[in-house]
């Protein structure tokens, strides 16, 4: 086995580099996950997530992978045969599309070049053209890990409002 000096420095989109202060905090003794200290800490963290995600709405923490969160979001809000609007912004947008199709959704797919985020004008056009209101959700990737592309979610939401369409906005962030 080769010896490596120094600290390993990750440069991939997966697990993040962890600051020394956080590593030291993680070395502290664990607390009882059913005790009052853990309950207080959990409440503090969840309350703080509202500010991080700029929402006054209820925050739910999903203890699983992003792929697991996609599946949970789809099967708990949509049904096989439902029509959804999705956009190609990179690898993970494509994977989410594949999952939607495997779960029986009818995907209205907008191809892209992996260099730009979701075009809010296209969202508005597609929803305005949906006179029967058959599109049940607009599903977009906020920050596409594979390309670094970001979609302007506020603009997407505003476009949906301008179209006066009842579709649910689902965001992988």
N, C-alpha and C. Protein backbone atom coordinates (compact mmCIF):
# COMPACT_ATOMS: atom_id res chain seq x y z
N UNK A 1 0.84 -1.18 0.00
CA UNK A 1 0.00 0.00 0.00
C UNK A 1 0.89 1.24 0.00
N UNK A 2 0.58 2.16 -0.86
CA UNK A 2 1.36 3.39 -0.96
C UNK A 2 0.97 4.35 0.16
N UNK A 3 1.95 5.08 0.65
CA UNK A 3 1.71 6.08 1.70
C UNK A 3 1.36 7.41 1.06
N UNK A 4 0.31 8.04 1.58
CA UNK A 4 -0.05 9.38 1.11
C UNK A 4 0.08 10.34 2.28
N UNK A 5 0.83 11.38 2.08
CA UNK A 5 0.94 12.37 3.15
C UNK A 5 -0.16 13.41 2.97
N UNK A 6 -0.48 14.08 4.04
CA UNK A 6 -1.49 15.13 3.95
C UNK A 6 -2.90 14.57 3.98
N UNK A 7 -3.81 15.44 3.76
CA UNK A 7 -5.22 15.08 3.83
C UNK A 7 -5.76 14.87 2.42
N UNK A 8 -6.56 13.82 2.25
CA UNK A 8 -7.19 13.55 0.96
C UNK A 8 -8.14 14.70 0.63
N UNK A 9 -8.10 15.18 -0.59
CA UNK A 9 -8.93 16.31 -1.03
C UNK A 9 -9.85 15.83 -2.14
N UNK A 10 -11.13 15.69 -1.84
CA UNK A 10 -12.10 15.24 -2.83
C UNK A 10 -12.38 16.34 -3.84
N UNK A 11 -12.44 15.97 -5.10
CA UNK A 11 -12.80 16.93 -6.15
C UNK A 11 -13.82 16.28 -7.08
N UNK A 12 -14.88 15.74 -6.45
CA UNK A 12 -15.96 15.11 -7.20
C UNK A 12 -17.27 15.73 -6.74
N UNK A 13 -18.36 15.54 -7.50
CA UNK A 13 -19.63 16.15 -7.11
C UNK A 13 -20.34 15.43 -5.96
N UNK A 14 -19.81 14.31 -5.51
CA UNK A 14 -20.49 13.55 -4.46
C UNK A 14 -20.22 14.11 -3.08
N UNK A 15 -19.68 13.30 -2.19
CA UNK A 15 -19.43 13.78 -0.82
C UNK A 15 -18.54 15.02 -0.85
N UNK A 16 -18.80 15.92 0.02
CA UNK A 16 -18.08 17.19 0.04
C UNK A 16 -16.88 17.13 0.97
N UNK A 17 -15.94 18.03 0.75
CA UNK A 17 -14.83 18.16 1.68
C UNK A 17 -15.38 18.68 3.00
N UNK A 18 -14.91 18.14 4.09
CA UNK A 18 -15.43 18.50 5.40
C UNK A 18 -14.38 19.32 6.15
N UNK A 19 -14.74 20.53 6.59
CA UNK A 19 -13.79 21.37 7.33
C UNK A 19 -13.33 20.70 8.63
N UNK A 20 -12.12 21.02 9.06
CA UNK A 20 -11.55 20.44 10.28
C UNK A 20 -12.46 20.63 11.49
N UNK A 21 -13.04 21.82 11.63
CA UNK A 21 -13.92 22.09 12.79
C UNK A 21 -15.11 21.14 12.81
N UNK A 22 -15.62 20.82 11.65
CA UNK A 22 -16.76 19.89 11.57
C UNK A 22 -16.29 18.48 11.91
N UNK A 23 -15.13 18.09 11.40
CA UNK A 23 -14.60 16.76 11.73
C UNK A 23 -14.39 16.62 13.24
N UNK A 24 -13.87 17.68 13.88
CA UNK A 24 -13.69 17.63 15.34
C UNK A 24 -15.03 17.51 16.05
N UNK A 25 -16.03 18.24 15.59
CA UNK A 25 -17.36 18.17 16.20
C UNK A 25 -17.95 16.77 16.04
N UNK A 26 -17.67 16.14 14.91
CA UNK A 26 -18.18 14.79 14.67
C UNK A 26 -17.50 13.76 15.57
N UNK A 27 -16.33 14.10 16.09
CA UNK A 27 -15.61 13.19 16.98
C UNK A 27 -16.14 13.24 18.41
N UNK A 28 -17.05 14.17 18.69
CA UNK A 28 -17.63 14.28 20.03
C UNK A 28 -18.49 13.05 20.31
N UNK A 29 -18.70 12.74 21.59
CA UNK A 29 -19.55 11.59 21.92
C UNK A 29 -20.95 11.77 21.32
N UNK A 30 -21.54 10.67 20.92
CA UNK A 30 -22.89 10.74 20.36
C UNK A 30 -23.91 11.00 21.46
N UNK A 31 -25.04 11.54 21.05
CA UNK A 31 -26.13 11.77 22.01
C UNK A 31 -27.26 10.81 21.68
N UNK A 32 -28.07 10.52 22.68
CA UNK A 32 -29.19 9.60 22.53
C UNK A 32 -30.19 10.16 21.52
N UNK A 33 -30.44 9.42 20.45
CA UNK A 33 -31.36 9.91 19.42
C UNK A 33 -32.81 9.95 19.89
N UNK A 34 -33.09 9.44 21.06
CA UNK A 34 -34.44 9.52 21.62
C UNK A 34 -34.50 10.48 22.81
N UNK A 35 -33.38 11.13 23.10
CA UNK A 35 -33.32 12.02 24.26
C UNK A 35 -33.66 13.46 23.94
N UNK A 36 -33.79 14.29 24.97
CA UNK A 36 -34.18 15.69 24.79
C UNK A 36 -33.12 16.52 24.06
N UNK A 37 -31.84 16.21 24.24
CA UNK A 37 -30.79 16.97 23.54
C UNK A 37 -30.90 16.79 22.03
N UNK A 38 -31.14 15.56 21.60
CA UNK A 38 -31.28 15.28 20.17
C UNK A 38 -32.53 15.96 19.62
N UNK A 39 -33.62 15.90 20.36
CA UNK A 39 -34.87 16.54 19.92
C UNK A 39 -34.67 18.04 19.75
N UNK A 40 -33.98 18.68 20.70
CA UNK A 40 -33.71 20.12 20.60
C UNK A 40 -32.84 20.43 19.39
N UNK A 41 -31.78 19.65 19.21
CA UNK A 41 -30.87 19.86 18.09
C UNK A 41 -31.60 19.68 16.75
N UNK A 42 -32.40 18.65 16.65
CA UNK A 42 -33.16 18.40 15.42
C UNK A 42 -34.10 19.56 15.11
N UNK A 43 -34.80 20.05 16.12
CA UNK A 43 -35.73 21.17 15.93
C UNK A 43 -34.97 22.41 15.45
N UNK A 44 -33.80 22.66 16.06
CA UNK A 44 -32.99 23.82 15.68
C UNK A 44 -32.53 23.72 14.22
N UNK A 45 -32.10 22.53 13.83
CA UNK A 45 -31.64 22.33 12.45
C UNK A 45 -32.79 22.50 11.46
N UNK A 46 -33.92 21.87 11.74
CA UNK A 46 -35.06 21.96 10.82
C UNK A 46 -35.57 23.39 10.73
N UNK A 47 -35.63 24.08 11.86
CA UNK A 47 -36.06 25.49 11.84
C UNK A 47 -35.11 26.34 10.99
N UNK A 48 -33.82 26.05 11.05
CA UNK A 48 -32.84 26.80 10.27
C UNK A 48 -32.89 26.52 8.78
N UNK A 49 -33.40 25.35 8.40
CA UNK A 49 -33.46 25.00 6.98
C UNK A 49 -34.43 25.90 6.21
N UNK A 50 -35.43 26.43 6.89
CA UNK A 50 -36.35 27.36 6.23
C UNK A 50 -35.60 28.56 5.68
N UNK A 51 -34.66 29.08 6.48
CA UNK A 51 -33.87 30.23 6.03
C UNK A 51 -32.93 29.82 4.89
N UNK A 52 -32.34 28.64 4.99
CA UNK A 52 -31.44 28.18 3.93
C UNK A 52 -32.17 28.09 2.59
N UNK A 53 -33.39 27.54 2.62
CA UNK A 53 -34.15 27.34 1.38
C UNK A 53 -35.14 28.47 1.10
N UNK A 54 -35.05 29.53 1.91
CA UNK A 54 -35.87 30.74 1.72
C UNK A 54 -37.36 30.41 1.61
N UNK A 55 -37.85 29.65 2.60
CA UNK A 55 -39.26 29.30 2.63
C UNK A 55 -39.84 29.50 4.02
N UNK A 56 -41.10 29.86 4.05
CA UNK A 56 -41.83 29.90 5.31
C UNK A 56 -42.69 28.64 5.44
N UNK A 57 -42.62 27.81 4.40
CA UNK A 57 -43.38 26.56 4.38
C UNK A 57 -42.75 25.51 5.27
N UNK A 58 -43.46 24.42 5.43
CA UNK A 58 -42.99 23.30 6.25
C UNK A 58 -41.80 22.61 5.56
N UNK A 59 -40.76 22.33 6.32
CA UNK A 59 -39.57 21.67 5.79
C UNK A 59 -39.59 20.21 6.22
N UNK A 60 -39.35 19.32 5.27
CA UNK A 60 -39.26 17.89 5.56
C UNK A 60 -37.85 17.43 5.21
N UNK A 61 -37.21 16.73 6.12
CA UNK A 61 -35.88 16.18 5.87
C UNK A 61 -36.06 14.73 5.42
N UNK A 62 -35.49 14.40 4.28
CA UNK A 62 -35.58 13.04 3.75
C UNK A 62 -34.25 12.34 3.97
N UNK A 63 -34.21 11.36 4.87
CA UNK A 63 -32.93 10.69 5.16
C UNK A 63 -32.63 9.58 4.15
N UNK A 64 -32.20 9.98 2.98
CA UNK A 64 -31.88 9.02 1.94
C UNK A 64 -31.15 9.71 0.81
N UNK A 65 -30.96 8.99 -0.26
CA UNK A 65 -30.26 9.54 -1.42
C UNK A 65 -31.17 10.46 -2.22
N UNK A 66 -30.58 11.23 -3.11
CA UNK A 66 -31.37 12.07 -4.00
C UNK A 66 -32.30 11.23 -4.87
N UNK A 67 -31.83 10.09 -5.32
CA UNK A 67 -32.66 9.20 -6.13
C UNK A 67 -33.86 8.71 -5.32
N UNK A 68 -33.62 8.40 -4.05
CA UNK A 68 -34.72 7.99 -3.18
C UNK A 68 -35.72 9.11 -2.98
N UNK A 69 -35.23 10.34 -2.89
CA UNK A 69 -36.12 11.49 -2.74
C UNK A 69 -36.96 11.69 -4.00
N UNK A 70 -36.35 11.52 -5.17
CA UNK A 70 -37.12 11.62 -6.42
C UNK A 70 -38.28 10.64 -6.40
N UNK A 71 -37.95 9.38 -6.09
CA UNK A 71 -38.98 8.34 -6.10
C UNK A 71 -40.08 8.65 -5.09
N UNK A 72 -39.70 9.05 -3.89
CA UNK A 72 -40.69 9.38 -2.86
C UNK A 72 -41.58 10.53 -3.31
N UNK A 73 -40.97 11.55 -3.91
CA UNK A 73 -41.75 12.71 -4.37
C UNK A 73 -42.74 12.30 -5.46
N UNK A 74 -42.30 11.48 -6.38
CA UNK A 74 -43.17 11.07 -7.49
C UNK A 74 -44.32 10.20 -6.99
N UNK A 75 -44.00 9.13 -6.26
CA UNK A 75 -45.06 8.17 -5.90
C UNK A 75 -46.02 8.73 -4.85
N UNK A 76 -45.63 9.78 -4.14
CA UNK A 76 -46.52 10.35 -3.14
C UNK A 76 -47.32 11.54 -3.64
N UNK A 77 -47.07 11.99 -4.87
CA UNK A 77 -47.81 13.15 -5.39
C UNK A 77 -48.45 12.89 -6.76
N UNK A 78 -47.96 11.92 -7.49
CA UNK A 78 -48.44 11.68 -8.85
C UNK A 78 -48.87 10.22 -8.99
N UNK A 79 -49.56 9.92 -10.08
CA UNK A 79 -50.03 8.56 -10.35
C UNK A 79 -49.59 8.14 -11.75
N UNK A 80 -49.42 6.83 -11.96
CA UNK A 80 -49.09 6.36 -13.31
C UNK A 80 -50.10 6.92 -14.31
N UNK A 81 -49.58 7.38 -15.44
CA UNK A 81 -50.42 7.98 -16.47
C UNK A 81 -50.49 9.49 -16.39
N UNK A 82 -50.08 10.07 -15.25
CA UNK A 82 -50.07 11.53 -15.15
C UNK A 82 -49.04 12.10 -16.11
N UNK A 83 -49.34 13.26 -16.63
CA UNK A 83 -48.44 13.95 -17.57
C UNK A 83 -47.62 14.98 -16.80
N UNK A 84 -46.32 15.01 -17.08
CA UNK A 84 -45.42 15.97 -16.43
C UNK A 84 -44.55 16.65 -17.48
N UNK A 85 -44.08 17.84 -17.14
CA UNK A 85 -43.19 18.61 -18.01
C UNK A 85 -41.80 18.58 -17.41
N UNK A 86 -40.81 18.11 -18.20
CA UNK A 86 -39.43 18.01 -17.72
C UNK A 86 -38.48 18.60 -18.76
N UNK A 87 -37.30 19.01 -18.28
CA UNK A 87 -36.31 19.70 -19.11
C UNK A 87 -34.96 19.03 -19.02
N UNK A 88 -34.26 18.94 -20.15
CA UNK A 88 -32.92 18.37 -20.20
C UNK A 88 -31.90 19.46 -19.86
N UNK A 89 -31.34 19.37 -18.66
CA UNK A 89 -30.31 20.32 -18.25
C UNK A 89 -29.00 19.63 -17.90
N UNK A 90 -28.97 18.30 -17.97
CA UNK A 90 -27.76 17.56 -17.65
C UNK A 90 -28.08 16.11 -17.30
N UNK A 91 -27.08 15.42 -16.81
CA UNK A 91 -27.17 13.99 -16.53
C UNK A 91 -28.27 13.66 -15.51
N UNK A 92 -28.36 14.43 -14.43
CA UNK A 92 -29.32 14.10 -13.39
C UNK A 92 -30.75 14.41 -13.82
N UNK A 93 -30.93 15.40 -14.66
CA UNK A 93 -32.25 15.66 -15.24
C UNK A 93 -32.67 14.46 -16.09
N UNK A 94 -31.72 13.88 -16.81
CA UNK A 94 -32.01 12.71 -17.64
C UNK A 94 -32.37 11.50 -16.77
N UNK A 95 -31.63 11.33 -15.66
CA UNK A 95 -31.94 10.21 -14.76
C UNK A 95 -33.32 10.36 -14.13
N UNK A 96 -33.67 11.60 -13.75
CA UNK A 96 -34.99 11.84 -13.16
C UNK A 96 -36.09 11.54 -14.19
N UNK A 97 -35.84 11.92 -15.43
CA UNK A 97 -36.79 11.62 -16.51
C UNK A 97 -36.97 10.11 -16.66
N UNK A 98 -35.86 9.37 -16.65
CA UNK A 98 -35.94 7.91 -16.77
C UNK A 98 -36.76 7.32 -15.63
N UNK A 99 -36.55 7.83 -14.42
CA UNK A 99 -37.31 7.33 -13.28
C UNK A 99 -38.80 7.64 -13.45
N UNK A 100 -39.11 8.85 -13.87
CA UNK A 100 -40.51 9.24 -14.07
C UNK A 100 -41.18 8.29 -15.07
N UNK A 101 -40.47 7.98 -16.14
CA UNK A 101 -41.02 7.07 -17.15
C UNK A 101 -41.19 5.66 -16.58
N UNK A 102 -40.20 5.18 -15.82
CA UNK A 102 -40.30 3.84 -15.22
C UNK A 102 -41.45 3.75 -14.24
N UNK A 103 -41.80 4.88 -13.61
CA UNK A 103 -42.91 4.89 -12.66
C UNK A 103 -44.24 5.18 -13.35
N UNK A 104 -44.22 5.19 -14.68
CA UNK A 104 -45.46 5.27 -15.45
C UNK A 104 -45.97 6.65 -15.78
N UNK A 105 -45.14 7.67 -15.59
CA UNK A 105 -45.57 9.02 -15.94
C UNK A 105 -45.40 9.26 -17.44
N UNK A 106 -46.26 10.09 -17.99
CA UNK A 106 -46.15 10.52 -19.38
C UNK A 106 -45.33 11.80 -19.37
N UNK A 107 -44.11 11.76 -19.90
CA UNK A 107 -43.19 12.89 -19.82
C UNK A 107 -43.23 13.73 -21.09
N UNK A 108 -43.61 14.99 -20.92
CA UNK A 108 -43.50 15.99 -21.99
C UNK A 108 -42.10 16.57 -21.80
N UNK A 109 -41.17 16.17 -22.67
CA UNK A 109 -39.75 16.44 -22.46
C UNK A 109 -39.25 17.54 -23.38
N UNK A 110 -38.57 18.51 -22.79
CA UNK A 110 -37.98 19.61 -23.56
C UNK A 110 -36.47 19.37 -23.64
N UNK A 111 -35.95 19.00 -24.83
CA UNK A 111 -34.52 18.75 -24.97
C UNK A 111 -33.70 20.02 -24.72
N UNK A 112 -32.48 19.82 -24.26
CA UNK A 112 -31.59 20.95 -24.02
C UNK A 112 -30.17 20.62 -24.41
N UNK A 113 -29.27 21.56 -24.20
CA UNK A 113 -27.88 21.38 -24.62
C UNK A 113 -26.91 21.15 -23.46
N UNK A 114 -27.42 21.03 -22.23
CA UNK A 114 -26.63 20.83 -21.02
C UNK A 114 -25.77 22.05 -20.70
N UNK A 115 -26.05 23.19 -21.33
CA UNK A 115 -25.28 24.41 -21.08
C UNK A 115 -26.12 25.50 -20.43
N UNK A 116 -27.43 25.27 -20.34
CA UNK A 116 -28.29 26.30 -19.76
C UNK A 116 -29.41 25.66 -18.96
N UNK A 117 -29.93 26.43 -18.02
CA UNK A 117 -31.00 25.94 -17.17
C UNK A 117 -32.34 25.98 -17.89
N UNK A 118 -33.37 25.71 -17.13
CA UNK A 118 -34.73 25.70 -17.66
C UNK A 118 -35.11 27.09 -18.15
N UNK A 119 -35.67 27.17 -19.33
CA UNK A 119 -36.13 28.44 -19.91
C UNK A 119 -37.55 28.70 -19.41
N UNK A 120 -37.70 29.70 -18.56
CA UNK A 120 -39.01 30.01 -17.97
C UNK A 120 -40.03 30.37 -19.03
N UNK A 121 -39.60 30.98 -20.13
CA UNK A 121 -40.54 31.31 -21.21
C UNK A 121 -41.13 30.05 -21.83
N UNK A 122 -40.32 29.00 -21.95
CA UNK A 122 -40.82 27.74 -22.49
C UNK A 122 -41.80 27.11 -21.51
N UNK A 123 -41.51 27.20 -20.22
CA UNK A 123 -42.45 26.71 -19.21
C UNK A 123 -43.80 27.38 -19.40
N UNK A 124 -43.78 28.70 -19.50
CA UNK A 124 -45.02 29.46 -19.65
C UNK A 124 -45.76 29.07 -20.94
N UNK A 125 -45.02 28.94 -22.05
CA UNK A 125 -45.64 28.57 -23.33
C UNK A 125 -46.28 27.18 -23.26
N UNK A 126 -45.55 26.22 -22.69
CA UNK A 126 -46.06 24.85 -22.60
C UNK A 126 -47.31 24.79 -21.73
N UNK A 127 -47.29 25.49 -20.61
CA UNK A 127 -48.44 25.45 -19.71
C UNK A 127 -49.63 26.21 -20.29
N UNK A 128 -49.36 27.34 -20.94
CA UNK A 128 -50.45 28.10 -21.56
C UNK A 128 -51.12 27.29 -22.67
N UNK A 129 -50.34 26.46 -23.37
CA UNK A 129 -50.88 25.63 -24.44
C UNK A 129 -51.65 24.41 -23.92
N UNK A 130 -51.53 24.14 -22.63
CA UNK A 130 -52.18 22.98 -22.01
C UNK A 130 -53.59 23.36 -21.55
N UNK A 131 -54.48 23.58 -22.53
CA UNK A 131 -55.84 24.03 -22.23
C UNK A 131 -56.63 23.05 -21.38
N UNK A 132 -56.32 21.77 -21.50
CA UNK A 132 -57.03 20.75 -20.71
C UNK A 132 -56.45 20.60 -19.31
N UNK A 133 -55.37 21.31 -19.03
CA UNK A 133 -54.70 21.23 -17.72
C UNK A 133 -54.31 19.78 -17.40
N UNK A 134 -53.77 19.10 -18.40
CA UNK A 134 -53.37 17.71 -18.21
C UNK A 134 -51.98 17.57 -17.62
N UNK A 135 -51.17 18.63 -17.66
CA UNK A 135 -49.85 18.57 -17.04
C UNK A 135 -50.04 18.71 -15.54
N UNK A 136 -49.65 17.67 -14.81
CA UNK A 136 -49.85 17.64 -13.36
C UNK A 136 -48.67 18.23 -12.59
N UNK A 137 -47.48 18.21 -13.19
CA UNK A 137 -46.30 18.73 -12.50
C UNK A 137 -45.27 19.22 -13.49
N UNK A 138 -44.52 20.23 -13.07
CA UNK A 138 -43.33 20.70 -13.78
C UNK A 138 -42.17 20.25 -12.90
N UNK A 139 -41.29 19.41 -13.46
CA UNK A 139 -40.21 18.81 -12.68
C UNK A 139 -38.87 19.32 -13.22
N UNK A 140 -38.14 20.06 -12.38
CA UNK A 140 -36.89 20.67 -12.83
C UNK A 140 -35.76 20.41 -11.84
N UNK A 141 -34.55 20.34 -12.37
CA UNK A 141 -33.35 20.25 -11.54
C UNK A 141 -32.85 21.68 -11.32
N UNK A 142 -32.67 22.05 -10.06
CA UNK A 142 -32.22 23.40 -9.72
C UNK A 142 -30.74 23.57 -10.07
N UNK A 143 -29.88 22.80 -9.42
CA UNK A 143 -28.44 22.85 -9.68
C UNK A 143 -28.02 21.50 -10.24
N UNK A 144 -27.70 21.46 -11.51
CA UNK A 144 -27.33 20.22 -12.19
C UNK A 144 -25.87 19.90 -11.89
N UNK A 145 -25.66 18.91 -11.04
CA UNK A 145 -24.31 18.55 -10.59
C UNK A 145 -23.38 18.22 -11.74
N UNK A 146 -23.88 17.52 -12.75
CA UNK A 146 -23.00 17.05 -13.82
C UNK A 146 -22.46 18.17 -14.69
N UNK A 147 -23.15 19.30 -14.75
CA UNK A 147 -22.74 20.37 -15.66
C UNK A 147 -22.46 21.69 -14.95
N UNK A 148 -22.94 21.84 -13.74
CA UNK A 148 -22.82 23.11 -13.04
C UNK A 148 -23.91 24.10 -13.43
N UNK A 149 -24.82 23.68 -14.29
CA UNK A 149 -25.91 24.55 -14.75
C UNK A 149 -26.92 24.74 -13.62
N UNK A 150 -27.37 25.98 -13.46
CA UNK A 150 -28.42 26.28 -12.48
C UNK A 150 -29.64 26.84 -13.20
N UNK A 151 -30.80 26.41 -12.74
CA UNK A 151 -32.06 26.94 -13.26
C UNK A 151 -32.59 27.98 -12.29
N UNK A 152 -33.21 29.01 -12.81
CA UNK A 152 -33.78 30.09 -11.98
C UNK A 152 -35.19 29.67 -11.56
N UNK A 153 -35.26 29.07 -10.38
CA UNK A 153 -36.51 28.49 -9.91
C UNK A 153 -37.58 29.57 -9.69
N UNK A 154 -37.19 30.72 -9.19
CA UNK A 154 -38.15 31.81 -9.02
C UNK A 154 -38.78 32.21 -10.34
N UNK A 155 -37.98 32.23 -11.40
CA UNK A 155 -38.50 32.56 -12.73
C UNK A 155 -39.45 31.48 -13.24
N UNK A 156 -39.11 30.22 -12.96
CA UNK A 156 -39.98 29.11 -13.37
C UNK A 156 -41.32 29.22 -12.65
N UNK A 157 -41.27 29.47 -11.33
CA UNK A 157 -42.51 29.59 -10.56
C UNK A 157 -43.34 30.77 -11.08
N UNK A 158 -42.70 31.89 -11.38
CA UNK A 158 -43.41 33.06 -11.89
C UNK A 158 -44.06 32.75 -13.24
N UNK A 159 -43.37 32.00 -14.09
CA UNK A 159 -43.93 31.62 -15.39
C UNK A 159 -45.17 30.74 -15.21
N UNK A 160 -45.13 29.84 -14.24
CA UNK A 160 -46.28 28.99 -13.96
C UNK A 160 -47.46 29.84 -13.50
N UNK A 161 -47.17 30.83 -12.67
CA UNK A 161 -48.24 31.72 -12.19
C UNK A 161 -48.82 32.55 -13.32
N UNK A 162 -47.96 33.06 -14.20
CA UNK A 162 -48.45 33.83 -15.35
C UNK A 162 -49.36 32.99 -16.24
N UNK A 163 -49.03 31.71 -16.37
CA UNK A 163 -49.84 30.80 -17.18
C UNK A 163 -51.12 30.39 -16.46
N UNK A 164 -51.23 30.77 -15.18
CA UNK A 164 -52.40 30.42 -14.36
C UNK A 164 -52.70 28.93 -14.43
N UNK A 165 -51.64 28.14 -14.30
CA UNK A 165 -51.75 26.69 -14.43
C UNK A 165 -51.62 26.05 -13.04
N UNK A 166 -52.43 25.04 -12.74
CA UNK A 166 -52.40 24.43 -11.41
C UNK A 166 -51.31 23.37 -11.20
N UNK A 167 -50.42 23.17 -12.16
CA UNK A 167 -49.39 22.13 -12.02
C UNK A 167 -48.55 22.35 -10.77
N UNK A 168 -48.12 21.25 -10.19
CA UNK A 168 -47.22 21.26 -9.04
C UNK A 168 -45.80 21.51 -9.54
N UNK A 169 -45.04 22.33 -8.84
CA UNK A 169 -43.63 22.53 -9.17
C UNK A 169 -42.80 21.61 -8.28
N UNK A 170 -42.07 20.70 -8.91
CA UNK A 170 -41.19 19.78 -8.18
C UNK A 170 -39.75 20.12 -8.55
N UNK A 171 -38.92 20.37 -7.54
CA UNK A 171 -37.55 20.83 -7.77
C UNK A 171 -36.56 19.91 -7.08
N UNK A 172 -35.60 19.42 -7.85
CA UNK A 172 -34.45 18.71 -7.29
C UNK A 172 -33.39 19.77 -7.05
N UNK A 173 -33.09 20.06 -5.79
CA UNK A 173 -32.14 21.12 -5.49
C UNK A 173 -30.91 20.61 -4.78
